[in-house]
Structure formats: C-alpha cells, structure tokens
Amino acid sequence: MNIKEIINCTEIDFFINDIDNNTIHIPKSEKVARLVYVQEVANTEETHFVCDTGECKIPIKVKSITNIPKIETKVEDLPPPQEGILYIVHHDVARFLQNERNDLLIPDPTNPILDKDGNVIGYTNLLKYS
C-alpha cells in the first residue's frame, strides 16, 4: 500500500517520530471517530393486582417487558476507506472494526513521547490490527 496521508480521527494532537527521529505533527480532528450504542426501547405492559395478606390488601403495579431490547453498536464520524489513506483512531474503534477495515491505526502506548514535564504528547510507533 502506498501511503499518501495519515488522518487523525481523535480529539488529541499526535506527534510521531519518523525513522530519522524527526517529529511529525498530525493535528486532532474536529469530528472524533467513536463507538456509539443505540438501545431499542423496551415495550412494557402494566399489570395491577392486589396482594391480600389477610390483614390488609396491598395494590401492586408490575411492568412486564414484552420484548428483549437490542443494543446496536456502531461507529460515527469515521470517514470511509480511501486508497492510500490511514486513520488514527481510538483503540475501541479499531478493535470493533478490525475484521472490516485495514486502514486504522492506534497509538502504541509502550514507547510514548514525553514533554519536559513528563506528559505524553505523542508516540514513536503506531499499531494496526491485522
């Protein structure tokens, strides 16, 4: 694959060292690729009955779920695959799409680039699920 561009789909700026140890800035994105969970609404039926303890009668309201709500997971704000373009995304996005896309990169946390105060500002390597 001939790489033309790396697009950062996260909310943080990335600084990556190339093979000559030059630092390359890959700016953060205005739209962050992320997983979203959409839950179907459960249908319910309400039932009323009276519990008679002998000493008193207690009215009880019970809601019964008549369907099992489905939870759908999907990715939002990730551009479609394009020839020669790789995308930096969060780990959960790459993992979710690992069987569908081969253009997603995640930061390698084992060797971060630190600023003078010890804060992580970038990574020397990127990882890719295969």
N, C-alpha and C. Protein backbone atom coordinates (compact mmCIF):
# COMPACT_ATOMS: atom_id res chain seq x y z
N MET A 1 0.85 -1.18 0.00
CA MET A 1 0.00 0.00 0.00
C MET A 1 0.89 1.24 0.00
N ASN A 2 0.63 2.13 -0.90
CA ASN A 2 1.34 3.41 -0.96
C ASN A 2 0.57 4.42 -0.11
N ILE A 3 1.19 4.85 1.01
CA ILE A 3 0.52 5.76 1.94
C ILE A 3 0.74 7.20 1.49
N LYS A 4 -0.37 7.90 1.27
CA LYS A 4 -0.31 9.31 0.88
C LYS A 4 -0.55 10.25 2.06
N GLU A 5 -1.36 9.76 3.03
CA GLU A 5 -1.77 10.64 4.12
C GLU A 5 -2.19 9.81 5.33
N ILE A 6 -1.94 10.38 6.52
CA ILE A 6 -2.46 9.82 7.76
C ILE A 6 -3.36 10.89 8.37
N ILE A 7 -4.62 10.52 8.61
CA ILE A 7 -5.60 11.45 9.17
C ILE A 7 -5.89 11.05 10.60
N ASN A 8 -5.82 12.00 11.49
CA ASN A 8 -6.07 11.79 12.90
C ASN A 8 -7.57 11.96 13.16
N CYS A 9 -8.23 10.90 13.60
CA CYS A 9 -9.66 10.95 13.90
C CYS A 9 -9.91 10.92 15.41
N THR A 10 -9.00 11.54 16.17
CA THR A 10 -9.16 11.62 17.62
C THR A 10 -9.18 13.08 18.02
N GLU A 11 -9.42 13.32 19.32
CA GLU A 11 -9.52 14.69 19.82
C GLU A 11 -8.19 15.23 20.35
N ILE A 12 -7.12 14.49 20.15
CA ILE A 12 -5.82 14.96 20.63
C ILE A 12 -4.82 15.04 19.48
N ASP A 13 -3.94 16.04 19.55
CA ASP A 13 -2.88 16.16 18.57
C ASP A 13 -1.90 15.01 18.76
N PHE A 14 -1.39 14.48 17.65
CA PHE A 14 -0.38 13.43 17.73
C PHE A 14 0.93 13.93 17.18
N PHE A 15 1.97 13.53 17.86
CA PHE A 15 3.32 13.77 17.39
C PHE A 15 3.97 12.41 17.25
N ILE A 16 4.46 12.13 16.06
CA ILE A 16 5.03 10.82 15.76
C ILE A 16 6.45 11.03 15.27
N ASN A 17 7.36 10.20 15.74
CA ASN A 17 8.73 10.25 15.25
C ASN A 17 8.87 9.36 14.03
N ASP A 18 9.47 9.91 12.98
CA ASP A 18 9.71 9.10 11.79
C ASP A 18 11.00 8.30 11.97
N ILE A 19 11.41 7.55 10.96
CA ILE A 19 12.58 6.68 11.11
C ILE A 19 13.88 7.46 11.28
N ASP A 20 13.89 8.74 10.91
CA ASP A 20 15.06 9.59 11.12
C ASP A 20 14.96 10.39 12.42
N ASN A 21 13.98 10.06 13.25
CA ASN A 21 13.72 10.70 14.54
C ASN A 21 13.25 12.15 14.41
N ASN A 22 12.69 12.50 13.25
CA ASN A 22 12.04 13.79 13.08
C ASN A 22 10.62 13.69 13.63
N THR A 23 10.16 14.71 14.33
CA THR A 23 8.82 14.69 14.89
C THR A 23 7.84 15.26 13.88
N ILE A 24 6.81 14.49 13.60
CA ILE A 24 5.77 14.89 12.66
C ILE A 24 4.50 15.14 13.45
N HIS A 25 3.86 16.28 13.20
CA HIS A 25 2.61 16.63 13.88
C HIS A 25 1.43 16.21 13.02
N ILE A 26 0.52 15.46 13.63
CA ILE A 26 -0.73 15.08 12.96
C ILE A 26 -1.85 15.69 13.79
N PRO A 27 -2.45 16.78 13.29
CA PRO A 27 -3.42 17.53 14.11
C PRO A 27 -4.68 16.74 14.43
N LYS A 28 -5.27 17.11 15.57
CA LYS A 28 -6.52 16.48 16.01
C LYS A 28 -7.64 16.79 15.04
N SER A 29 -8.71 16.03 15.17
CA SER A 29 -9.86 16.17 14.29
C SER A 29 -10.98 16.94 14.97
N GLU A 30 -11.75 17.66 14.18
CA GLU A 30 -12.94 18.31 14.73
C GLU A 30 -14.04 17.29 14.97
N LYS A 31 -14.09 16.25 14.13
CA LYS A 31 -15.04 15.16 14.32
C LYS A 31 -14.26 13.94 14.77
N VAL A 32 -14.60 13.42 15.93
CA VAL A 32 -13.89 12.30 16.52
C VAL A 32 -14.63 11.00 16.20
N ALA A 33 -13.91 10.04 15.61
CA ALA A 33 -14.50 8.72 15.36
C ALA A 33 -14.70 8.04 16.70
N ARG A 34 -15.92 7.53 16.92
CA ARG A 34 -16.22 6.93 18.22
C ARG A 34 -17.29 5.86 18.07
N LEU A 35 -17.30 4.97 19.05
CA LEU A 35 -18.35 3.97 19.13
C LEU A 35 -19.56 4.58 19.81
N VAL A 36 -20.73 4.28 19.29
CA VAL A 36 -21.96 4.70 19.94
C VAL A 36 -22.84 3.46 20.11
N TYR A 37 -23.62 3.50 21.16
CA TYR A 37 -24.51 2.40 21.48
C TYR A 37 -25.93 2.91 21.41
N VAL A 38 -26.74 2.27 20.60
CA VAL A 38 -28.13 2.66 20.43
C VAL A 38 -28.98 1.51 20.97
N GLN A 39 -29.81 1.81 21.95
CA GLN A 39 -30.64 0.78 22.53
C GLN A 39 -32.08 0.96 22.10
N GLU A 40 -32.65 -0.14 21.66
CA GLU A 40 -34.07 -0.16 21.30
C GLU A 40 -34.88 -0.01 22.58
N VAL A 41 -35.97 0.66 22.49
CA VAL A 41 -36.84 0.87 23.66
C VAL A 41 -37.60 -0.42 23.95
N ALA A 42 -37.65 -0.77 25.21
CA ALA A 42 -38.40 -1.96 25.62
C ALA A 42 -39.89 -1.66 25.62
N ASN A 43 -40.67 -2.57 25.11
CA ASN A 43 -42.13 -2.46 25.20
C ASN A 43 -42.55 -3.07 26.53
N THR A 44 -43.44 -2.40 27.21
CA THR A 44 -43.88 -2.92 28.51
C THR A 44 -45.40 -2.96 28.58
N GLU A 45 -45.85 -3.85 29.42
CA GLU A 45 -47.27 -3.91 29.77
C GLU A 45 -47.37 -3.74 31.26
N GLU A 46 -48.36 -3.02 31.68
CA GLU A 46 -48.55 -2.79 33.11
C GLU A 46 -49.69 -3.67 33.62
N THR A 47 -49.45 -4.36 34.72
CA THR A 47 -50.45 -5.23 35.33
C THR A 47 -50.69 -4.76 36.76
N HIS A 48 -51.92 -4.80 37.17
CA HIS A 48 -52.27 -4.44 38.54
C HIS A 48 -52.89 -5.65 39.22
N PHE A 49 -52.48 -5.86 40.45
CA PHE A 49 -53.15 -6.87 41.25
C PHE A 49 -53.05 -6.47 42.72
N VAL A 50 -53.80 -7.17 43.53
CA VAL A 50 -53.86 -6.86 44.95
C VAL A 50 -53.31 -8.04 45.72
N CYS A 51 -52.37 -7.74 46.58
CA CYS A 51 -51.80 -8.76 47.47
C CYS A 51 -52.60 -8.72 48.77
N ASP A 52 -53.28 -9.82 49.08
CA ASP A 52 -54.12 -9.88 50.27
C ASP A 52 -53.36 -10.65 51.34
N THR A 53 -52.85 -9.93 52.35
CA THR A 53 -52.07 -10.55 53.42
C THR A 53 -52.96 -11.08 54.53
N GLY A 54 -54.21 -10.88 54.43
CA GLY A 54 -55.14 -11.27 55.48
C GLY A 54 -55.47 -10.09 56.38
N GLU A 55 -54.45 -9.28 56.65
CA GLU A 55 -54.66 -8.11 57.50
C GLU A 55 -54.96 -6.88 56.66
N CYS A 56 -54.34 -6.85 55.48
CA CYS A 56 -54.60 -5.70 54.60
C CYS A 56 -54.43 -6.13 53.15
N LYS A 57 -54.93 -5.30 52.29
CA LYS A 57 -54.79 -5.54 50.86
C LYS A 57 -53.84 -4.50 50.30
N ILE A 58 -52.81 -4.98 49.60
CA ILE A 58 -51.78 -4.08 49.06
C ILE A 58 -51.87 -4.08 47.53
N PRO A 59 -52.21 -2.90 46.95
CA PRO A 59 -52.24 -2.85 45.49
C PRO A 59 -50.80 -2.83 44.95
N ILE A 60 -50.55 -3.64 43.94
CA ILE A 60 -49.21 -3.75 43.35
C ILE A 60 -49.32 -3.52 41.85
N LYS A 61 -48.35 -2.74 41.35
CA LYS A 61 -48.28 -2.47 39.91
C LYS A 61 -47.00 -3.14 39.40
N VAL A 62 -47.11 -3.95 38.37
CA VAL A 62 -45.96 -4.66 37.81
C VAL A 62 -45.88 -4.33 36.32
N LYS A 63 -44.66 -3.98 35.89
CA LYS A 63 -44.43 -3.77 34.46
C LYS A 63 -43.72 -4.99 33.90
N SER A 64 -44.24 -5.53 32.84
CA SER A 64 -43.64 -6.69 32.19
C SER A 64 -43.02 -6.24 30.86
N ILE A 65 -41.81 -6.68 30.62
CA ILE A 65 -41.15 -6.38 29.34
C ILE A 65 -41.63 -7.40 28.33
N THR A 66 -42.17 -6.92 27.22
CA THR A 66 -42.74 -7.82 26.21
C THR A 66 -41.79 -8.08 25.05
N ASN A 67 -40.64 -7.44 25.07
CA ASN A 67 -39.63 -7.72 24.05
C ASN A 67 -38.25 -7.57 24.69
N ILE A 68 -37.27 -8.18 24.11
CA ILE A 68 -35.90 -8.02 24.60
C ILE A 68 -35.27 -6.89 23.79
N PRO A 69 -34.96 -5.77 24.46
CA PRO A 69 -34.39 -4.64 23.72
C PRO A 69 -33.01 -5.00 23.14
N LYS A 70 -32.77 -4.58 21.92
CA LYS A 70 -31.49 -4.82 21.27
C LYS A 70 -30.60 -3.59 21.46
N ILE A 71 -29.34 -3.85 21.63
CA ILE A 71 -28.36 -2.77 21.69
C ILE A 71 -27.49 -2.89 20.45
N GLU A 72 -27.48 -1.85 19.66
CA GLU A 72 -26.68 -1.82 18.44
C GLU A 72 -25.46 -0.96 18.68
N THR A 73 -24.31 -1.47 18.27
CA THR A 73 -23.07 -0.72 18.37
C THR A 73 -22.68 -0.30 16.96
N LYS A 74 -22.32 0.97 16.82
CA LYS A 74 -21.88 1.45 15.51
C LYS A 74 -20.83 2.53 15.70
N VAL A 75 -20.13 2.82 14.63
CA VAL A 75 -19.08 3.85 14.65
C VAL A 75 -19.63 5.08 13.96
N GLU A 76 -19.40 6.24 14.59
CA GLU A 76 -19.80 7.52 13.99
C GLU A 76 -18.56 8.35 13.69
N ASP A 77 -18.67 9.18 12.69
CA ASP A 77 -17.68 10.18 12.31
C ASP A 77 -16.33 9.60 11.89
N LEU A 78 -16.36 8.43 11.29
CA LEU A 78 -15.16 7.85 10.69
C LEU A 78 -15.33 7.90 9.18
N PRO A 79 -14.41 8.55 8.47
CA PRO A 79 -14.54 8.60 7.01
C PRO A 79 -14.47 7.20 6.41
N PRO A 80 -15.07 7.04 5.23
CA PRO A 80 -14.99 5.73 4.57
C PRO A 80 -13.55 5.48 4.10
N PRO A 81 -13.20 4.22 3.90
CA PRO A 81 -11.85 3.91 3.43
C PRO A 81 -11.55 4.61 2.10
N GLN A 82 -10.30 5.08 1.98
CA GLN A 82 -9.84 5.69 0.74
C GLN A 82 -8.45 5.15 0.43
N GLU A 83 -8.19 4.89 -0.79
CA GLU A 83 -6.90 4.35 -1.22
C GLU A 83 -5.76 5.27 -0.77
N GLY A 84 -4.78 4.71 -0.08
CA GLY A 84 -3.59 5.45 0.31
C GLY A 84 -3.74 6.29 1.58
N ILE A 85 -4.87 6.20 2.27
CA ILE A 85 -5.08 6.99 3.49
C ILE A 85 -5.26 6.06 4.67
N LEU A 86 -4.54 6.36 5.76
CA LEU A 86 -4.69 5.65 7.02
C LEU A 86 -5.29 6.61 8.04
N TYR A 87 -6.01 6.06 9.01
CA TYR A 87 -6.70 6.87 10.01
C TYR A 87 -6.24 6.46 11.41
N ILE A 88 -5.87 7.44 12.24
CA ILE A 88 -5.59 7.19 13.64
C ILE A 88 -6.91 7.29 14.39
N VAL A 89 -7.23 6.23 15.13
CA VAL A 89 -8.49 6.17 15.87
C VAL A 89 -8.22 5.67 17.28
N HIS A 90 -9.24 5.75 18.12
CA HIS A 90 -9.14 5.17 19.45
C HIS A 90 -9.14 3.65 19.35
N HIS A 91 -8.54 3.03 20.34
CA HIS A 91 -8.40 1.58 20.37
C HIS A 91 -9.74 0.86 20.21
N ASP A 92 -10.79 1.32 20.90
CA ASP A 92 -12.08 0.63 20.83
C ASP A 92 -12.68 0.66 19.42
N VAL A 93 -12.44 1.73 18.69
CA VAL A 93 -12.95 1.83 17.31
C VAL A 93 -12.20 0.83 16.41
N ALA A 94 -10.87 0.81 16.53
CA ALA A 94 -10.07 -0.10 15.71
C ALA A 94 -10.42 -1.56 16.02
N ARG A 95 -10.59 -1.86 17.28
CA ARG A 95 -10.92 -3.23 17.68
C ARG A 95 -12.29 -3.64 17.15
N PHE A 96 -13.25 -2.74 17.23
CA PHE A 96 -14.61 -3.03 16.75
C PHE A 96 -14.62 -3.31 15.25
N LEU A 97 -13.78 -2.59 14.50
CA LEU A 97 -13.78 -2.71 13.03
C LEU A 97 -12.63 -3.56 12.49
N GLN A 98 -11.94 -4.29 13.35
CA GLN A 98 -10.74 -5.00 12.91
C GLN A 98 -10.98 -6.02 11.81
N ASN A 99 -12.17 -6.58 11.72
CA ASN A 99 -12.46 -7.55 10.66
C ASN A 99 -13.02 -6.91 9.40
N GLU A 100 -13.29 -5.59 9.46
CA GLU A 100 -13.89 -4.91 8.32
C GLU A 100 -12.95 -3.94 7.62
N ARG A 101 -11.99 -3.39 8.39
CA ARG A 101 -11.12 -2.36 7.81
C ARG A 101 -9.67 -2.63 8.16
N ASN A 102 -8.79 -2.33 7.21
CA ASN A 102 -7.36 -2.50 7.46
C ASN A 102 -6.60 -1.17 7.35
N ASP A 103 -7.32 -0.08 7.48
CA ASP A 103 -6.72 1.26 7.34
C ASP A 103 -6.71 2.04 8.65
N LEU A 104 -6.88 1.34 9.77
CA LEU A 104 -6.99 2.02 11.07
C LEU A 104 -5.74 1.79 11.90
N LEU A 105 -5.23 2.87 12.48
CA LEU A 105 -4.05 2.83 13.32
C LEU A 105 -4.41 3.27 14.73
N ILE A 106 -3.69 2.72 15.70
CA ILE A 106 -3.84 3.15 17.09
C ILE A 106 -2.46 3.46 17.64
N PRO A 107 -2.36 4.36 18.63
CA PRO A 107 -1.06 4.66 19.22
C PRO A 107 -0.51 3.46 19.99
N ASP A 108 0.79 3.27 19.92
CA ASP A 108 1.47 2.23 20.68
C ASP A 108 1.88 2.83 22.02
N PRO A 109 1.22 2.45 23.11
CA PRO A 109 1.48 3.08 24.40
C PRO A 109 2.78 2.64 25.06
N THR A 110 3.51 1.71 24.45
CA THR A 110 4.72 1.19 25.10
C THR A 110 5.92 2.13 25.01
N ASN A 111 5.89 3.10 24.10
CA ASN A 111 7.03 3.99 23.95
C ASN A 111 6.56 5.41 23.62
N PRO A 112 5.97 6.11 24.60
CA PRO A 112 5.41 7.44 24.33
C PRO A 112 6.49 8.51 24.21
N ILE A 113 6.13 9.61 23.56
CA ILE A 113 6.97 10.82 23.52
C ILE A 113 6.47 11.72 24.65
N LEU A 114 7.38 12.15 25.51
CA LEU A 114 7.01 12.96 26.67
C LEU A 114 7.49 14.39 26.50
N ASP A 115 6.74 15.34 27.05
CA ASP A 115 7.22 16.72 27.07
C ASP A 115 8.14 16.90 28.28
N LYS A 116 8.63 18.10 28.48
CA LYS A 116 9.61 18.35 29.55
C LYS A 116 9.04 18.08 30.94
N ASP A 117 7.70 18.09 31.06
CA ASP A 117 7.06 17.83 32.35
C ASP A 117 6.65 16.37 32.53
N GLY A 118 6.96 15.53 31.54
CA GLY A 118 6.63 14.11 31.64
C GLY A 118 5.25 13.74 31.14
N ASN A 119 4.55 14.68 30.49
CA ASN A 119 3.23 14.40 29.93
C ASN A 119 3.36 13.77 28.55
N VAL A 120 2.51 12.80 28.26
CA VAL A 120 2.53 12.16 26.94
C VAL A 120 2.01 13.14 25.90
N ILE A 121 2.81 13.39 24.88
CA ILE A 121 2.38 14.28 23.79
C ILE A 121 2.38 13.57 22.44
N GLY A 122 2.83 12.33 22.43
CA GLY A 122 2.86 11.61 21.17
C GLY A 122 3.43 10.21 21.37
N TYR A 123 3.68 9.55 20.25
CA TYR A 123 4.12 8.17 20.28
C TYR A 123 5.16 7.95 19.19
N THR A 124 6.09 7.04 19.46
CA THR A 124 7.10 6.75 18.46
C THR A 124 6.58 5.74 17.44
N ASN A 125 5.55 4.99 17.81
CA ASN A 125 5.02 3.96 16.92
C ASN A 125 3.49 4.00 16.89
N LEU A 126 2.98 3.50 15.81
CA LEU A 126 1.54 3.26 15.69
C LEU A 126 1.34 1.77 15.50
N LEU A 127 0.21 1.26 15.92
CA LEU A 127 -0.12 -0.15 15.78
C LEU A 127 -1.31 -0.30 14.84
N LYS A 128 -1.40 -1.50 14.25
CA LYS A 128 -2.50 -1.78 13.35
C LYS A 128 -2.94 -3.22 13.57
N TYR A 129 -4.25 -3.43 13.73
CA TYR A 129 -4.76 -4.81 13.79
C TYR A 129 -4.64 -5.42 12.40
N SER A 130 -4.32 -6.72 12.38
CA SER A 130 -4.26 -7.37 11.07
C SER A 130 -5.14 -8.60 11.03
